[in-house]
Each structure stands twice: as C-alpha cells, then as structure tokens.
Amino acid sequence: MNHHHRKILHTLFAHPINNNISPKDVESIFGELGAEMNAVHSGKLHVALNGHSANFAHTHHSLPKEEVMQVRKFIETCGIDPERDYPLKP
C-alpha cells in the first residue's frame, strides 16, 4: 500500500470524523486491502474482505459521517488496524 492509500486509511479513522472523503478513495483502499467489490443494482457497493461482507452506498459525493463510521467498523471487523498494519511512515 503506497503512502497516499495509507493517508486515506488513517483519515477514515481520524477523530473527529472527516466527512470530506471521496468514495473513489475508499474503493481504492478496499482494493489495496484485497477486497472483492461488486456494484449491486440497488446503487450500493458490495464489499467482501477476510470472510466478512457489507454493502455501502455508491455515491458520487463525499461520504457522510455515518458512512465513514460504517466503513471504519467494517475494516475493524475484518481484523485490520491501520496503526498496526499500515503505519504512516515519517
């Protein structure tokens, strides 16, 4: 995972919650983590990672805070800790 992707991943877990995150950036993070993604006909993105799956709204605007919290929880459920697994390099 390159530095840009690491920064986005850490932005997802930042406090306070950042609501200026692009859905395309989140999709690229899922791809870097090895997730399988499929667009579902209901306008959602189905993501499968490490034996877990979830559906997320497939929007063209910045993610709302609730969606950021859902993405964060999903990544944690998949056993990924950004600080431990993908630390930002100085």
Protein backbone atom coordinates (compact mmCIF):
# COMPACT_ATOMS: atom_id res chain seq x y z
CA MET A 1 0.00 0.00 0.00
CA ASN A 2 1.51 3.31 -1.01
CA HIS A 3 1.69 6.43 1.16
CA HIS A 4 -1.38 8.05 -0.43
CA HIS A 5 -3.52 5.00 0.36
CA ARG A 6 -2.16 4.85 3.91
CA LYS A 7 -3.11 8.50 4.46
CA ILE A 8 -6.66 7.86 3.28
CA LEU A 9 -6.94 4.80 5.51
CA HIS A 10 -5.77 6.82 8.52
CA THR A 11 -8.17 9.64 7.57
CA LEU A 12 -11.04 7.14 7.84
CA PHE A 13 -10.03 6.50 11.46
CA ALA A 14 -9.27 10.13 12.39
CA HIS A 15 -11.07 11.92 15.21
CA PRO A 16 -13.15 13.96 14.70
CA ILE A 17 -14.70 12.07 11.80
CA ASN A 18 -13.76 13.56 8.45
CA ASN A 19 -16.72 13.94 6.11
CA ASN A 20 -14.64 15.01 3.12
CA ILE A 21 -13.61 11.54 1.93
CA SER A 22 -14.21 10.53 -1.66
CA PRO A 23 -15.99 7.22 -2.31
CA LYS A 24 -13.44 6.51 -5.04
CA ASP A 25 -10.66 6.79 -2.45
CA VAL A 26 -12.48 4.33 -0.19
CA GLU A 27 -12.92 1.92 -3.11
CA SER A 28 -9.19 2.14 -3.83
CA ILE A 29 -8.46 1.36 -0.15
CA PHE A 30 -10.71 -1.70 -0.31
CA GLY A 31 -8.88 -2.79 -3.45
CA GLU A 32 -5.49 -2.34 -1.79
CA LEU A 33 -6.68 -4.42 1.17
CA GLY A 34 -7.61 -7.24 -1.23
CA ALA A 35 -11.38 -6.90 -1.08
CA GLU A 36 -13.72 -8.17 -3.77
CA MET A 37 -16.15 -5.45 -4.87
CA ASN A 38 -19.31 -5.62 -6.96
CA ALA A 39 -21.82 -2.93 -7.82
CA VAL A 40 -25.29 -4.03 -6.74
CA HIS A 41 -28.33 -2.96 -8.78
CA SER A 42 -29.75 -1.01 -5.84
CA GLY A 43 -27.00 1.61 -6.12
CA LYS A 44 -24.81 0.02 -3.49
CA LEU A 45 -21.31 -1.40 -3.50
CA HIS A 46 -20.96 -4.93 -2.12
CA VAL A 47 -17.56 -5.49 -0.47
CA ALA A 48 -16.17 -8.84 0.71
CA LEU A 49 -12.95 -8.91 2.74
CA ASN A 50 -11.39 -11.51 5.07
CA GLY A 51 -14.59 -13.57 5.27
CA HIS A 52 -16.81 -10.56 6.01
CA SER A 53 -19.09 -8.66 3.68
CA ALA A 54 -21.02 -5.39 3.71
CA ASN A 55 -22.95 -3.09 1.41
CA PHE A 56 -22.17 0.60 1.16
CA ALA A 57 -23.98 3.40 -0.65
CA HIS A 58 -22.36 4.04 -4.01
CA THR A 59 -22.42 7.82 -4.05
CA HIS A 60 -20.59 10.33 -6.21
CA HIS A 61 -20.17 12.85 -3.39
CA SER A 62 -18.16 12.87 -0.19
CA LEU A 63 -19.12 10.22 2.31
CA PRO A 64 -21.40 11.35 5.13
CA LYS A 65 -20.15 10.79 8.67
CA GLU A 66 -22.47 7.80 9.15
CA GLU A 67 -20.99 6.09 6.10
CA VAL A 68 -17.44 6.80 7.29
CA MET A 69 -18.35 5.15 10.61
CA GLN A 70 -19.76 2.11 8.76
CA VAL A 71 -16.60 1.78 6.65
CA ARG A 72 -14.45 2.13 9.77
CA LYS A 73 -16.42 -0.54 11.63
CA PHE A 74 -16.25 -2.90 8.63
CA ILE A 75 -12.47 -2.53 8.36
CA GLU A 76 -12.09 -3.19 12.09
CA THR A 77 -14.39 -6.23 11.86
CA CYS A 78 -12.13 -7.59 9.12
CA GLY A 79 -9.25 -7.51 11.61
CA ILE A 80 -7.37 -4.57 10.12
CA ASP A 81 -5.80 -1.98 12.40
CA PRO A 82 -4.32 0.96 10.43
CA GLU A 83 -1.84 1.87 13.18
CA ARG A 84 -0.56 -1.69 13.48
CA ASP A 85 -0.88 -2.96 9.90
CA TYR A 86 -0.29 0.20 7.83
CA PRO A 87 1.56 2.80 9.90
CA LEU A 88 2.29 6.18 8.37
CA LYS A 89 5.99 6.46 7.71
CA PRO A 90 7.73 9.62 8.94
